[in-house]
């Protein structure tokens, strides 16, 4: 959970540093999905506090990535026209 949290924060910084990067938004969504399924995969689903934290953060990461994807696509296409 901690490693995925650090990776989510790093992908968020990546998104801020490169607003036109569609890849960073995709990475953000993939990490959100991994965070969501991690209680079952890593075997800590019996720990309710940690599980709920993973589920909520995972869902929010996917929503944030999906919400930012159209803006990133627009910025990416705008940058591609400048070459």
PDB file of N, CA and C in Angstrom:
ATOM      1  N   UNK A   1       0.829  -1.185   0.000  1.00  0.00           N
ATOM      2  CA  UNK A   1       0.000   0.000   0.000  1.00  0.00           C
ATOM      3  C   UNK A   1       0.874   1.249   0.000  1.00  0.00           C
ATOM      4  N   UNK A   2       1.941   1.234   0.750  1.00  0.00           N
ATOM      5  CA  UNK A   2       2.823   2.399   0.817  1.00  0.00           C
ATOM      6  C   UNK A   2       3.530   2.612  -0.513  1.00  0.00           C
ATOM      7  N   UNK A   3       3.997   1.536  -1.115  1.00  0.00           N
ATOM      8  CA  UNK A   3       4.699   1.647  -2.399  1.00  0.00           C
ATOM      9  C   UNK A   3       3.751   2.193  -3.462  1.00  0.00           C
ATOM     10  N   UNK A   4       2.535   1.677  -3.527  1.00  0.00           N
ATOM     11  CA  UNK A   4       1.572   2.187  -4.505  1.00  0.00           C
ATOM     12  C   UNK A   4       1.212   3.642  -4.219  1.00  0.00           C
ATOM     13  N   UNK A   5       1.146   4.009  -2.958  1.00  0.00           N
ATOM     14  CA  UNK A   5       0.880   5.406  -2.609  1.00  0.00           C
ATOM     15  C   UNK A   5       1.984   6.338  -3.074  1.00  0.00           C
ATOM     16  N   UNK A   6       3.216   5.905  -2.898  1.00  0.00           N
ATOM     17  CA  UNK A   6       4.357   6.707  -3.370  1.00  0.00           C
ATOM     18  C   UNK A   6       4.334   6.801  -4.896  1.00  0.00           C
ATOM     19  N   UNK A   7       4.034   5.698  -5.562  1.00  0.00           N
ATOM     20  CA  UNK A   7       3.957   5.713  -7.022  1.00  0.00           C
ATOM     21  C   UNK A   7       2.812   6.599  -7.515  1.00  0.00           C
ATOM     22  N   UNK A   8       1.682   6.598  -6.807  1.00  0.00           N
ATOM     23  CA  UNK A   8       0.574   7.492  -7.150  1.00  0.00           C
ATOM     24  C   UNK A   8       0.985   8.956  -7.002  1.00  0.00           C
ATOM     25  N   UNK A   9       1.681   9.260  -5.926  1.00  0.00           N
ATOM     26  CA  UNK A   9       2.156  10.636  -5.729  1.00  0.00           C
ATOM     27  C   UNK A   9       3.140  11.031  -6.827  1.00  0.00           C
ATOM     28  N   UNK A  10       4.024  10.119  -7.197  1.00  0.00           N
ATOM     29  CA  UNK A  10       4.990  10.404  -8.266  1.00  0.00           C
ATOM     30  C   UNK A  10       4.286  10.610  -9.600  1.00  0.00           C
ATOM     31  N   UNK A  11       3.258   9.811  -9.885  1.00  0.00           N
ATOM     32  CA  UNK A  11       2.535  10.003 -11.145  1.00  0.00           C
ATOM     33  C   UNK A  11       1.736  11.301 -11.129  1.00  0.00           C
ATOM     34  N   UNK A  12       1.277  11.712  -9.955  1.00  0.00           N
ATOM     35  CA  UNK A  12       0.609  13.008  -9.831  1.00  0.00           C
ATOM     36  C   UNK A  12       1.566  14.158 -10.110  1.00  0.00           C
ATOM     37  N   UNK A  13       2.780  14.051  -9.589  1.00  0.00           N
ATOM     38  CA  UNK A  13       3.792  15.074  -9.879  1.00  0.00           C
ATOM     39  C   UNK A  13       4.158  15.075 -11.354  1.00  0.00           C
ATOM     40  N   UNK A  14       4.229  13.903 -11.949  1.00  0.00           N
ATOM     41  CA  UNK A  14       4.498  13.774 -13.379  1.00  0.00           C
ATOM     42  C   UNK A  14       3.404  14.481 -14.185  1.00  0.00           C
ATOM     43  N   UNK A  15       2.134  14.275 -13.782  1.00  0.00           N
ATOM     44  CA  UNK A  15       1.013  14.924 -14.459  1.00  0.00           C
ATOM     45  C   UNK A  15       1.091  16.441 -14.335  1.00  0.00           C
ATOM     46  N   UNK A  16       1.513  16.919 -13.170  1.00  0.00           N
ATOM     47  CA  UNK A  16       1.647  18.365 -12.978  1.00  0.00           C
ATOM     48  C   UNK A  16       2.802  18.940 -13.784  1.00  0.00           C
ATOM     49  N   UNK A  17       3.888  18.189 -13.883  1.00  0.00           N
ATOM     50  CA  UNK A  17       5.065  18.673 -14.599  1.00  0.00           C
ATOM     51  C   UNK A  17       4.859  18.663 -16.107  1.00  0.00           C
ATOM     52  N   UNK A  18       4.095  17.691 -16.608  1.00  0.00           N
ATOM     53  CA  UNK A  18       3.860  17.563 -18.047  1.00  0.00           C
ATOM     54  C   UNK A  18       2.354  17.462 -18.297  1.00  0.00           C
ATOM     55  N   UNK A  19       1.656  18.591 -18.346  1.00  0.00           N
ATOM     56  CA  UNK A  19       0.187  18.558 -18.460  1.00  0.00           C
ATOM     57  C   UNK A  19      -0.338  17.890 -19.726  1.00  0.00           C
ATOM     58  N   UNK A  20       0.434  17.847 -20.783  1.00  0.00           N
ATOM     59  CA  UNK A  20      -0.025  17.239 -22.019  1.00  0.00           C
ATOM     60  C   UNK A  20       0.278  15.762 -22.131  1.00  0.00           C
ATOM     61  N   UNK A  21       0.796  15.156 -21.072  1.00  0.00           N
ATOM     62  CA  UNK A  21       1.188  13.748 -21.112  1.00  0.00           C
ATOM     63  C   UNK A  21      -0.019  12.852 -20.837  1.00  0.00           C
ATOM     64  N   UNK A  22      -0.497  12.200 -21.886  1.00  0.00           N
ATOM     65  CA  UNK A  22      -1.621  11.270 -21.749  1.00  0.00           C
ATOM     66  C   UNK A  22      -1.169  10.024 -20.990  1.00  0.00           C
ATOM     67  N   UNK A  23       0.084   9.651 -21.165  1.00  0.00           N
ATOM     68  CA  UNK A  23       0.621   8.461 -20.507  1.00  0.00           C
ATOM     69  C   UNK A  23       0.558   8.581 -18.995  1.00  0.00           C
ATOM     70  N   UNK A  24       0.849   9.756 -18.475  1.00  0.00           N
ATOM     71  CA  UNK A  24       0.833   9.917 -17.019  1.00  0.00           C
ATOM     72  C   UNK A  24      -0.561   9.696 -16.450  1.00  0.00           C
ATOM     73  N   UNK A  25      -1.591  10.095 -17.178  1.00  0.00           N
ATOM     74  CA  UNK A  25      -2.964   9.876 -16.709  1.00  0.00           C
ATOM     75  C   UNK A  25      -3.314   8.392 -16.762  1.00  0.00           C
ATOM     76  N   UNK A  26      -2.847   7.706 -17.789  1.00  0.00           N
ATOM     77  CA  UNK A  26      -3.068   6.262 -17.873  1.00  0.00           C
ATOM     78  C   UNK A  26      -2.378   5.523 -16.746  1.00  0.00           C
ATOM     79  N   UNK A  27      -1.148   5.930 -16.448  1.00  0.00           N
ATOM     80  CA  UNK A  27      -0.402   5.327 -15.334  1.00  0.00           C
ATOM     81  C   UNK A  27      -1.141   5.575 -14.024  1.00  0.00           C
ATOM     82  N   UNK A  28      -1.672   6.771 -13.863  1.00  0.00           N
ATOM     83  CA  UNK A  28      -2.419   7.115 -12.655  1.00  0.00           C
ATOM     84  C   UNK A  28      -3.633   6.181 -12.495  1.00  0.00           C
ATOM     85  N   UNK A  29      -4.340   5.929 -13.587  1.00  0.00           N
ATOM     86  CA  UNK A  29      -5.511   5.052 -13.514  1.00  0.00           C
ATOM     87  C   UNK A  29      -5.115   3.606 -13.243  1.00  0.00           C
ATOM     88  N   UNK A  30      -4.052   3.131 -13.856  1.00  0.00           N
ATOM     89  CA  UNK A  30      -3.586   1.759 -13.611  1.00  0.00           C
ATOM     90  C   UNK A  30      -3.159   1.590 -12.154  1.00  0.00           C
ATOM     91  N   UNK A  31      -2.450   2.572 -11.630  1.00  0.00           N
ATOM     92  CA  UNK A  31      -2.047   2.496 -10.223  1.00  0.00           C
ATOM     93  C   UNK A  31      -3.263   2.532  -9.300  1.00  0.00           C
ATOM     94  N   UNK A  32      -4.295   3.262  -9.681  1.00  0.00           N
ATOM     95  CA  UNK A  32      -5.535   3.272  -8.903  1.00  0.00           C
ATOM     96  C   UNK A  32      -6.194   1.906  -8.869  1.00  0.00           C
ATOM     97  N   UNK A  33      -6.219   1.240 -10.008  1.00  0.00           N
ATOM     98  CA  UNK A  33      -6.786  -0.119 -10.063  1.00  0.00           C
ATOM     99  C   UNK A  33      -5.955  -1.072  -9.206  1.00  0.00           C
ATOM    100  N   UNK A  34      -4.622  -0.967  -9.319  1.00  0.00           N
ATOM    101  CA  UNK A  34      -3.757  -1.817  -8.493  1.00  0.00           C
ATOM    102  C   UNK A  34      -3.963  -1.548  -7.005  1.00  0.00           C
ATOM    103  N   UNK A  35      -4.153  -0.286  -6.650  1.00  0.00           N
ATOM    104  CA  UNK A  35      -4.409   0.065  -5.241  1.00  0.00           C
ATOM    105  C   UNK A  35      -5.733  -0.550  -4.790  1.00  0.00           C
ATOM    106  N   UNK A  36      -6.737  -0.528  -5.660  1.00  0.00           N
ATOM    107  CA  UNK A  36      -8.046  -1.064  -5.304  1.00  0.00           C
ATOM    108  C   UNK A  36      -8.001  -2.570  -5.068  1.00  0.00           C
ATOM    109  N   UNK A  37      -7.280  -3.306  -5.902  1.00  0.00           N
ATOM    110  CA  UNK A  37      -7.254  -4.772  -5.758  1.00  0.00           C
ATOM    111  C   UNK A  37      -6.179  -5.260  -4.782  1.00  0.00           C
ATOM    112  N   UNK A  38      -5.320  -4.369  -4.331  1.00  0.00           N
ATOM    113  CA  UNK A  38      -4.208  -4.792  -3.476  1.00  0.00           C
ATOM    114  C   UNK A  38      -4.619  -5.469  -2.162  1.00  0.00           C
ATOM    115  N   UNK A  39      -5.738  -5.114  -1.501  1.00  0.00           N
ATOM    116  CA  UNK A  39      -6.078  -5.853  -0.271  1.00  0.00           C
ATOM    117  C   UNK A  39      -6.277  -7.350  -0.509  1.00  0.00           C
ATOM    118  N   UNK A  40      -6.852  -7.714  -1.652  1.00  0.00           N
ATOM    119  CA  UNK A  40      -7.070  -9.133  -1.938  1.00  0.00           C
ATOM    120  C   UNK A  40      -5.789  -9.794  -2.415  1.00  0.00           C
ATOM    121  N   UNK A  41      -5.057  -9.103  -3.279  1.00  0.00           N
ATOM    122  CA  UNK A  41      -3.845  -9.689  -3.843  1.00  0.00           C
ATOM    123  C   UNK A  41      -2.756  -9.845  -2.785  1.00  0.00           C
ATOM    124  N   UNK A  42      -2.600  -8.839  -1.949  1.00  0.00           N
ATOM    125  CA  UNK A  42      -1.532  -8.858  -0.949  1.00  0.00           C
ATOM    126  C   UNK A  42      -1.974  -9.462   0.386  1.00  0.00           C
ATOM    127  N   UNK A  43      -3.243  -9.838   0.512  1.00  0.00           N
ATOM    128  CA  UNK A  43      -3.711 -10.573   1.671  1.00  0.00           C
ATOM    129  C   UNK A  43      -3.976  -9.763   2.929  1.00  0.00           C
ATOM    130  N   UNK A  44      -4.301  -8.493   2.785  1.00  0.00           N
ATOM    131  CA  UNK A  44      -4.630  -7.728   3.985  1.00  0.00           C
ATOM    132  C   UNK A  44      -6.089  -7.257   3.977  1.00  0.00           C
ATOM    133  N   UNK A  45      -6.949  -8.011   3.300  1.00  0.00           N
ATOM    134  CA  UNK A  45      -8.363  -7.628   3.242  1.00  0.00           C
ATOM    135  C   UNK A  45      -9.059  -7.766   4.595  1.00  0.00           C
ATOM    136  N   UNK A  46      -8.485  -8.523   5.527  1.00  0.00           N
ATOM    137  CA  UNK A  46      -9.082  -8.644   6.860  1.00  0.00           C
ATOM    138  C   UNK A  46      -8.817  -7.402   7.723  1.00  0.00           C
ATOM    139  N   UNK A  47      -7.849  -6.602   7.330  1.00  0.00           N
ATOM    140  CA  UNK A  47      -7.565  -5.348   8.043  1.00  0.00           C
ATOM    141  C   UNK A  47      -8.438  -4.256   7.449  1.00  0.00           C
ATOM    142  N   UNK A  48      -9.554  -3.979   8.122  1.00  0.00           N
ATOM    143  CA  UNK A  48     -10.564  -3.105   7.535  1.00  0.00           C
ATOM    144  C   UNK A  48     -10.073  -1.687   7.272  1.00  0.00           C
ATOM    145  N   UNK A  49      -9.304  -1.131   8.162  1.00  0.00           N
ATOM    146  CA  UNK A  49      -8.820   0.237   7.961  1.00  0.00           C
ATOM    147  C   UNK A  49      -7.925   0.363   6.742  1.00  0.00           C
ATOM    148  N   UNK A  50      -6.980  -0.543   6.626  1.00  0.00           N
ATOM    149  CA  UNK A  50      -6.061  -0.515   5.485  1.00  0.00           C
ATOM    150  C   UNK A  50      -6.796  -0.850   4.187  1.00  0.00           C
ATOM    151  N   UNK A  51      -7.723  -1.796   4.256  1.00  0.00           N
ATOM    152  CA  UNK A  51      -8.480  -2.166   3.061  1.00  0.00           C
ATOM    153  C   UNK A  51      -9.326  -1.009   2.557  1.00  0.00           C
ATOM    154  N   UNK A  52     -10.049  -0.368   3.465  1.00  0.00           N
ATOM    155  CA  UNK A  52     -10.886   0.761   3.059  1.00  0.00           C
ATOM    156  C   UNK A  52     -10.048   1.916   2.518  1.00  0.00           C
ATOM    157  N   UNK A  53      -8.904   2.126   3.106  1.00  0.00           N
ATOM    158  CA  UNK A  53      -8.012   3.171   2.591  1.00  0.00           C
ATOM    159  C   UNK A  53      -7.591   2.846   1.168  1.00  0.00           C
ATOM    160  N   UNK A  54      -7.219   1.604   0.911  1.00  0.00           N
ATOM    161  CA  UNK A  54      -6.828   1.186  -0.433  1.00  0.00           C
ATOM    162  C   UNK A  54      -7.980   1.322  -1.414  1.00  0.00           C
ATOM    163  N   UNK A  55      -9.167   0.914  -1.005  1.00  0.00           N
ATOM    164  CA  UNK A  55     -10.317   0.985  -1.907  1.00  0.00           C
ATOM    165  C   UNK A  55     -10.686   2.424  -2.239  1.00  0.00           C
ATOM    166  N   UNK A  56     -10.734   3.270  -1.234  1.00  0.00           N
ATOM    167  CA  UNK A  56     -11.121   4.672  -1.462  1.00  0.00           C
ATOM    168  C   UNK A  56     -10.067   5.388  -2.300  1.00  0.00           C
ATOM    169  N   UNK A  57      -8.801   5.236  -1.944  1.00  0.00           N
ATOM    170  CA  UNK A  57      -7.730   5.893  -2.706  1.00  0.00           C
ATOM    171  C   UNK A  57      -7.688   5.337  -4.133  1.00  0.00           C
ATOM    172  N   UNK A  58      -7.884   4.046  -4.297  1.00  0.00           N
ATOM    173  CA  UNK A  58      -7.891   3.450  -5.629  1.00  0.00           C
ATOM    174  C   UNK A  58      -8.997   4.017  -6.506  1.00  0.00           C
ATOM    175  N   UNK A  59     -10.200   4.105  -5.959  1.00  0.00           N
ATOM    176  CA  UNK A  59     -11.328   4.659  -6.720  1.00  0.00           C
ATOM    177  C   UNK A  59     -11.078   6.130  -7.041  1.00  0.00           C
ATOM    178  N   UNK A  60     -10.606   6.897  -6.075  1.00  0.00           N
ATOM    179  CA  UNK A  60     -10.335   8.313  -6.324  1.00  0.00           C
ATOM    180  C   UNK A  60      -9.240   8.511  -7.368  1.00  0.00           C
ATOM    181  N   UNK A  61      -8.232   7.658  -7.363  1.00  0.00           N
ATOM    182  CA  UNK A  61      -7.148   7.761  -8.347  1.00  0.00           C
ATOM    183  C   UNK A  61      -7.669   7.471  -9.756  1.00  0.00           C
ATOM    184  N   UNK A  62      -8.528   6.455  -9.879  1.00  0.00           N
ATOM    185  CA  UNK A  62      -9.097   6.149 -11.192  1.00  0.00           C
ATOM    186  C   UNK A  62      -9.994   7.288 -11.666  1.00  0.00           C
ATOM    187  N   UNK A  63     -10.805   7.835 -10.778  1.00  0.00           N
ATOM    188  CA  UNK A  63     -11.685   8.951 -11.136  1.00  0.00           C
ATOM    189  C   UNK A  63     -10.870  10.174 -11.532  1.00  0.00           C
ATOM    190  N   UNK A  64      -9.826  10.483 -10.767  1.00  0.00           N
ATOM    191  CA  UNK A  64      -8.987  11.646 -11.085  1.00  0.00           C
ATOM    192  C   UNK A  64      -8.278  11.456 -12.419  1.00  0.00           C
ATOM    193  N   UNK A  65      -7.760  10.259 -12.671  1.00  0.00           N
ATOM    194  CA  UNK A  65      -7.098   9.994 -13.944  1.00  0.00           C
ATOM    195  C   UNK A  65      -8.056  10.082 -15.113  1.00  0.00           C
ATOM    196  N   UNK A  66      -9.262   9.521 -14.935  1.00  0.00           N
ATOM    197  CA  UNK A  66     -10.263   9.565 -16.005  1.00  0.00           C
ATOM    198  C   UNK A  66     -10.753  10.988 -16.250  1.00  0.00           C
ATOM    199  N   UNK A  67     -10.879  11.777 -15.184  1.00  0.00           N
ATOM    200  CA  UNK A  67     -11.327  13.163 -15.343  1.00  0.00           C
ATOM    201  C   UNK A  67     -10.271  14.018 -16.033  1.00  0.00           C
ATOM    202  N   UNK A  68      -9.001  13.725 -15.805  1.00  0.00           N
ATOM    203  CA  UNK A  68      -7.922  14.514 -16.404  1.00  0.00           C
ATOM    204  C   UNK A  68      -7.558  14.047 -17.808  1.00  0.00           C
ATOM    205  N   UNK A  69      -8.007  12.870 -18.196  1.00  0.00           N
ATOM    206  CA  UNK A  69      -7.648  12.321 -19.506  1.00  0.00           C
ATOM    207  C   UNK A  69      -8.116  13.184 -20.683  1.00  0.00           C
ATOM    208  N   UNK A  70      -9.356  13.676 -20.703  1.00  0.00           N
ATOM    209  CA  UNK A  70      -9.755  14.531 -21.830  1.00  0.00           C
ATOM    210  C   UNK A  70      -8.913  15.808 -21.947  1.00  0.00           C
ATOM    211  N   UNK A  71      -8.595  16.432 -20.827  1.00  0.00           N
ATOM    212  CA  UNK A  71      -7.763  17.635 -20.867  1.00  0.00           C
ATOM    213  C   UNK A  71      -6.356  17.316 -21.349  1.00  0.00           C
ATOM    214  N   UNK A  72      -5.829  16.182 -20.940  1.00  0.00           N
ATOM    215  CA  UNK A  72      -4.492  15.778 -21.384  1.00  0.00           C
ATOM    216  C   UNK A  72      -4.495  15.475 -22.882  1.00  0.00           C
ATOM    217  N   UNK A  73      -5.556  14.835 -23.358  1.00  0.00           N
ATOM    218  CA  UNK A  73      -5.677  14.567 -24.797  1.00  0.00           C
ATOM    219  C   UNK A  73      -5.728  15.865 -25.592  1.00  0.00           C
ATOM    220  N   UNK A  74      -6.491  16.838 -25.112  1.00  0.00           N
ATOM    221  CA  UNK A  74      -6.599  18.121 -25.781  1.00  0.00           C
ATOM    222  C   UNK A  74      -5.253  18.827 -25.793  1.00  0.00           C
ATOM    223  N   UNK A  75      -4.573  18.839 -24.666  1.00  0.00           N
ATOM    224  CA  UNK A  75      -3.255  19.486 -24.584  1.00  0.00           C
ATOM    225  C   UNK A  75      -2.246  18.758 -25.475  1.00  0.00           C
ATOM    226  N   UNK A  76      -2.329  17.440 -25.501  1.00  0.00           N
ATOM    227  CA  UNK A  76      -1.403  16.658 -26.320  1.00  0.00           C
ATOM    228  C   UNK A  76      -1.613  16.941 -27.809  1.00  0.00           C
ATOM    229  N   UNK A  77      -2.860  17.008 -28.230  1.00  0.00           N
ATOM    230  CA  UNK A  77      -3.147  17.292 -29.643  1.00  0.00           C
ATOM    231  C   UNK A  77      -2.779  18.729 -29.998  1.00  0.00           C
ATOM    232  N   UNK A  78      -2.925  19.639 -29.029  1.00  0.00           N
ATOM    233  CA  UNK A  78      -2.517  21.023 -29.261  1.00  0.00           C
ATOM    234  C   UNK A  78      -1.010  21.157 -29.413  1.00  0.00           C
ATOM    235  N   UNK A  79      -0.269  20.381 -28.626  1.00  0.00           N
ATOM    236  CA  UNK A  79       1.194  20.399 -28.717  1.00  0.00           C
ATOM    237  C   UNK A  79       1.677  19.725 -29.999  1.00  0.00           C
ATOM    238  N   UNK A  80       0.949  18.705 -30.447  1.00  0.00           N
ATOM    239  CA  UNK A  80       1.360  17.997 -31.660  1.00  0.00           C
ATOM    240  C   UNK A  80       1.242  18.883 -32.891  1.00  0.00           C
ATOM    241  N   UNK A  81       0.284  19.804 -32.872  1.00  0.00           N
ATOM    242  CA  UNK A  81       0.122  20.710 -34.004  1.00  0.00           C
ATOM    243  C   UNK A  81       1.196  21.777 -34.097  1.00  0.00           C
ATOM    244  N   UNK A  82       1.971  21.968 -33.031  1.00  0.00           N
ATOM    245  CA  UNK A  82       2.998  23.009 -33.010  1.00  0.00           C
ATOM    246  C   UNK A  82       4.311  22.560 -33.619  1.00  0.00           C
ATOM    247  N   UNK A  83       4.487  21.265 -33.858  1.00  0.00           N
ATOM    248  CA  UNK A  83       5.776  20.766 -34.367  1.00  0.00           C
ATOM    249  C   UNK A  83       6.018  21.177 -35.772  1.00  0.00           C
TER     250      UNK A  83
END
